[in-house]
C-alpha atoms as a PDB file:
ATOM      1  CA  MET A   1     -23.071  -9.742   9.843  1.00  0.00           C
ATOM      2  CA  THR A   2     -24.808 -13.188  11.221  1.00  0.00           C
ATOM      3  CA  GLU A   3     -21.582 -14.627  12.470  1.00  0.00           C
ATOM      4  CA  THR A   4     -18.898 -12.650  15.253  1.00  0.00           C
ATOM      5  CA  VAL A   5     -15.594 -12.008  13.733  1.00  0.00           C
ATOM      6  CA  ARG A   6     -13.258 -11.842  16.327  1.00  0.00           C
ATOM      7  CA  SER A   7     -10.480 -10.221  14.614  1.00  0.00           C
ATOM      8  CA  TYR A   8      -9.801  -8.939  11.304  1.00  0.00           C
ATOM      9  CA  ARG A   9      -7.311 -11.811  10.276  1.00  0.00           C
ATOM     10  CA  GLU A  10     -10.590 -14.108   9.588  1.00  0.00           C
ATOM     11  CA  LEU A  11     -11.788 -12.383   7.002  1.00  0.00           C
ATOM     12  CA  LYS A  12     -11.695 -13.479   3.548  1.00  0.00           C
ATOM     13  CA  VAL A  13     -11.558  -9.738   2.846  1.00  0.00           C
ATOM     14  CA  TRP A  14      -7.967  -9.163   3.969  1.00  0.00           C
ATOM     15  CA  GLN A  15      -6.812 -12.581   3.551  1.00  0.00           C
ATOM     16  CA  LYS A  16      -6.918 -11.218  -0.468  1.00  0.00           C
ATOM     17  CA  GLY A  17      -5.853  -7.853   0.417  1.00  0.00           C
ATOM     18  CA  ILE A  18      -2.341  -9.754   1.718  1.00  0.00           C
ATOM     19  CA  GLU A  19      -2.276 -11.898  -1.283  1.00  0.00           C
ATOM     20  CA  LEU A  20      -2.541  -8.239  -3.473  1.00  0.00           C
ATOM     21  CA  VAL A  21      -0.002  -6.403  -1.129  1.00  0.00           C
ATOM     22  CA  LYS A  22       2.260  -9.590  -2.633  1.00  0.00           C
ATOM     23  CA  MET A  23       1.440  -9.340  -5.681  1.00  0.00           C
ATOM     24  CA  VAL A  24       2.009  -5.618  -6.433  1.00  0.00           C
ATOM     25  CA  TYR A  25       5.756  -5.809  -4.123  1.00  0.00           C
ATOM     26  CA  GLY A  26       6.477  -8.815  -6.835  1.00  0.00           C
ATOM     27  CA  LEU A  27       5.209  -6.622  -9.696  1.00  0.00           C
ATOM     28  CA  THR A  28       7.459  -3.275  -9.211  1.00  0.00           C
ATOM     29  CA  GLN A  29      10.623  -5.262  -8.616  1.00  0.00           C
ATOM     30  CA  VAL A  30      10.754  -5.319 -12.268  1.00  0.00           C
ATOM     31  CA  PHE A  31      10.099  -1.430 -12.948  1.00  0.00           C
ATOM     32  CA  PRO A  32      13.188   0.429 -14.258  1.00  0.00           C
ATOM     33  CA  LYS A  33      15.371   1.752 -11.248  1.00  0.00           C
ATOM     34  CA  SER A  34      14.442   5.542 -11.919  1.00  0.00           C
ATOM     35  CA  GLU A  35      10.680   4.254 -10.874  1.00  0.00           C
ATOM     36  CA  THR A  36      12.024   3.067  -6.898  1.00  0.00           C
ATOM     37  CA  TYR A  37      10.542   6.146  -5.074  1.00  0.00           C
ATOM     38  CA  GLY A  38       8.196   7.435  -7.742  1.00  0.00           C
ATOM     39  CA  LEU A  39       5.241   5.012  -8.971  1.00  0.00           C
ATOM     40  CA  ALA A  40       6.256   1.684  -7.541  1.00  0.00           C
ATOM     41  CA  SER A  41       6.379   3.271  -4.762  1.00  0.00           C
ATOM     42  CA  GLN A  42       2.995   5.340  -5.009  1.00  0.00           C
ATOM     43  CA  MET A  43       2.157   1.588  -6.257  1.00  0.00           C
ATOM     44  CA  GLN A  44       2.901  -0.426  -3.317  1.00  0.00           C
ATOM     45  CA  ARG A  45       1.574   2.516  -0.456  1.00  0.00           C
ATOM     46  CA  ALA A  46      -1.774   1.914  -2.257  1.00  0.00           C
ATOM     47  CA  ALA A  47      -1.679  -1.890  -1.948  1.00  0.00           C
ATOM     48  CA  VAL A  48      -0.490  -2.003   1.432  1.00  0.00           C
ATOM     49  CA  SER A  49      -3.982   0.710   2.083  1.00  0.00           C
ATOM     50  CA  VAL A  50      -5.745  -2.053   1.154  1.00  0.00           C
ATOM     51  CA  PRO A  51      -5.900  -4.157   3.939  1.00  0.00           C
ATOM     52  CA  SER A  52      -4.348  -1.727   6.489  1.00  0.00           C
ATOM     53  CA  ASN A  53      -7.626   0.082   6.019  1.00  0.00           C
ATOM     54  CA  ILE A  54     -10.128  -2.984   6.293  1.00  0.00           C
ATOM     55  CA  ALA A  55      -7.766  -4.091   9.923  1.00  0.00           C
ATOM     56  CA  GLU A  56      -8.499  -0.670  11.055  1.00  0.00           C
ATOM     57  CA  GLY A  57     -11.550  -0.029  10.727  1.00  0.00           C
ATOM     58  CA  GLN A  58     -12.377  -3.843  12.049  1.00  0.00           C
ATOM     59  CA  GLY A  59     -10.051  -2.571  14.632  1.00  0.00           C
ATOM     60  CA  ARG A  60     -12.438  -0.026  16.388  1.00  0.00           C
ATOM     61  CA  GLN A  61     -15.384  -1.966  16.745  1.00  0.00           C
ATOM     62  CA  HIS A  62     -17.751   0.648  15.751  1.00  0.00           C
ATOM     63  CA  THR A  63     -19.793  -0.331  13.010  1.00  0.00           C
ATOM     64  CA  GLY A  64     -19.908   2.714  11.512  1.00  0.00           C
ATOM     65  CA  GLU A  65     -16.551   3.437  11.640  1.00  0.00           C
ATOM     66  CA  PHE A  66     -15.927  -0.136  10.323  1.00  0.00           C
ATOM     67  CA  ARG A  67     -17.687   0.476   7.044  1.00  0.00           C
ATOM     68  CA  GLN A  68     -15.866   4.046   6.747  1.00  0.00           C
ATOM     69  CA  PHE A  69     -12.620   2.398   6.656  1.00  0.00           C
ATOM     70  CA  LEU A  70     -14.226  -0.280   4.436  1.00  0.00           C
ATOM     71  CA  HIS A  71     -14.960   2.588   1.782  1.00  0.00           C
ATOM     72  CA  ILE A  72     -11.358   4.205   1.908  1.00  0.00           C
ATOM     73  CA  ALA A  73      -9.868   0.723   1.221  1.00  0.00           C
ATOM     74  CA  ILE A  74     -12.483   0.418  -2.298  1.00  0.00           C
ATOM     75  CA  GLY A  75     -11.172   3.852  -2.896  1.00  0.00           C
ATOM     76  CA  SER A  76      -6.980   2.564  -2.543  1.00  0.00           C
ATOM     77  CA  ALA A  77      -7.747  -0.728  -4.314  1.00  0.00           C
ATOM     78  CA  ALA A  78      -9.557   2.091  -7.175  1.00  0.00           C
ATOM     79  CA  GLU A  79      -5.943   4.298  -6.802  1.00  0.00           C
ATOM     80  CA  LEU A  80      -4.164   0.711  -7.580  1.00  0.00           C
ATOM     81  CA  ASP A  81      -6.015  -0.115 -10.533  1.00  0.00           C
ATOM     82  CA  THR A  82      -5.190   2.907 -12.381  1.00  0.00           C
ATOM     83  CA  GLN A  83      -1.518   3.592 -11.096  1.00  0.00           C
ATOM     84  CA  LEU A  84      -1.502  -0.112 -12.873  1.00  0.00           C
ATOM     85  CA  VAL A  85      -2.741   1.028 -16.039  1.00  0.00           C
ATOM     86  CA  VAL A  86      -0.347   4.063 -15.704  1.00  0.00           C
ATOM     87  CA  ALA A  87       2.839   1.199 -15.645  1.00  0.00           C
ATOM     88  CA  VAL A  88       0.579  -0.744 -18.753  1.00  0.00           C
ATOM     89  CA  GLU A  89       0.790   2.782 -20.594  1.00  0.00           C
ATOM     90  CA  LEU A  90       4.000   3.182 -20.001  1.00  0.00           C
ATOM     91  CA  GLY A  91       5.462  -0.241 -20.934  1.00  0.00           C
ATOM     92  CA  TYR A  92       6.653  -1.460 -17.291  1.00  0.00           C
ATOM     93  CA  VAL A  93       4.459  -4.299 -17.180  1.00  0.00           C
ATOM     94  CA  SER A  94       2.193  -6.101 -20.182  1.00  0.00           C
ATOM     95  CA  ASN A  95      -1.676  -6.234 -19.568  1.00  0.00           C
ATOM     96  CA  GLU A  96      -1.078 -10.255 -20.031  1.00  0.00           C
ATOM     97  CA  ASN A  97       0.933 -10.282 -16.486  1.00  0.00           C
ATOM     98  CA  ALA A  98      -1.510  -7.419 -15.112  1.00  0.00           C
ATOM     99  CA  GLN A  99      -4.384  -8.813 -16.091  1.00  0.00           C
ATOM    100  CA  SER A 100      -4.382 -11.210 -12.589  1.00  0.00           C
ATOM    101  CA  LEU A 101      -3.625  -7.792 -10.591  1.00  0.00           C
ATOM    102  CA  PHE A 102      -6.707  -6.431 -12.723  1.00  0.00           C
ATOM    103  CA  ASP A 103      -8.675  -9.332 -11.967  1.00  0.00           C
ATOM    104  CA  LEU A 104      -8.286  -9.037  -7.995  1.00  0.00           C
ATOM    105  CA  ILE A 105      -8.220  -5.959  -7.617  1.00  0.00           C
ATOM    106  CA  LEU A 106     -12.053  -6.005  -8.897  1.00  0.00           C
ATOM    107  CA  GLU A 107     -12.443  -9.117  -7.009  1.00  0.00           C
ATOM    108  CA  ILE A 108     -11.610  -7.252  -3.495  1.00  0.00           C
ATOM    109  CA  ARG A 109     -13.440  -4.136  -4.857  1.00  0.00           C
ATOM    110  CA  LYS A 110     -16.297  -6.338  -4.714  1.00  0.00           C
ATOM    111  CA  MET A 111     -15.614  -8.393  -1.722  1.00  0.00           C
ATOM    112  CA  THR A 112     -15.566  -5.170   0.302  1.00  0.00           C
ATOM    113  CA  TYR A 113     -18.806  -3.982  -1.110  1.00  0.00           C
ATOM    114  CA  ALA A 114     -20.814  -7.045   0.398  1.00  0.00           C
ATOM    115  CA  LEU A 115     -19.190  -6.636   2.758  1.00  0.00           C
ATOM    116  CA  ILE A 116     -20.538  -3.044   3.631  1.00  0.00           C
ATOM    117  CA  ASN A 117     -23.595  -4.051   2.814  1.00  0.00           C
ATOM    118  CA  LYS A 118     -24.032  -7.387   5.224  1.00  0.00           C
ATOM    119  CA  LEU A 119     -22.810  -4.688   7.991  1.00  0.00           C
ATOM    120  CA  PRO A 120     -25.888  -3.520  10.562  1.00  0.00           C
ATOM    121  CA  ARG A 121     -27.109  -0.319   9.853  1.00  0.00           C
END
C-alpha cells in the first residue's frame, strides 16, 4: 500500500461493511418472528463479522495477520450471501429487495481481495 492507514475507519471497505450491517439489520426486521433467533440472527452476525474482522486485522499492525483477517471477512461475506439466498428461497424477502444487498456483498468481496493484493508480502 502506498499510503499509510492510521485507522481501519479510513478504509473504504470497512465503511462499506458498516453500510452492509445497516442494510442487513433493516432487511431482517421483516422476517417472521420465528426467525428472530434463527436465520435473521445468523445473517446479522455474519454481516457484523465483515467490518469487525477488517478492523481487528488492521488493528493488529502486522501484515500477515491483517491478510488472515481479511480472508475471514471474505468468508463471512460469502456466508451472508448464502444466507440471503436462503432468505429469498424461503420467501422472507423478494429477489428484487435482496439485489442491492447481493451487489454490496460482491463489491465488498472484490474490494477486500484488492486490498489483500495491495498488501506487501
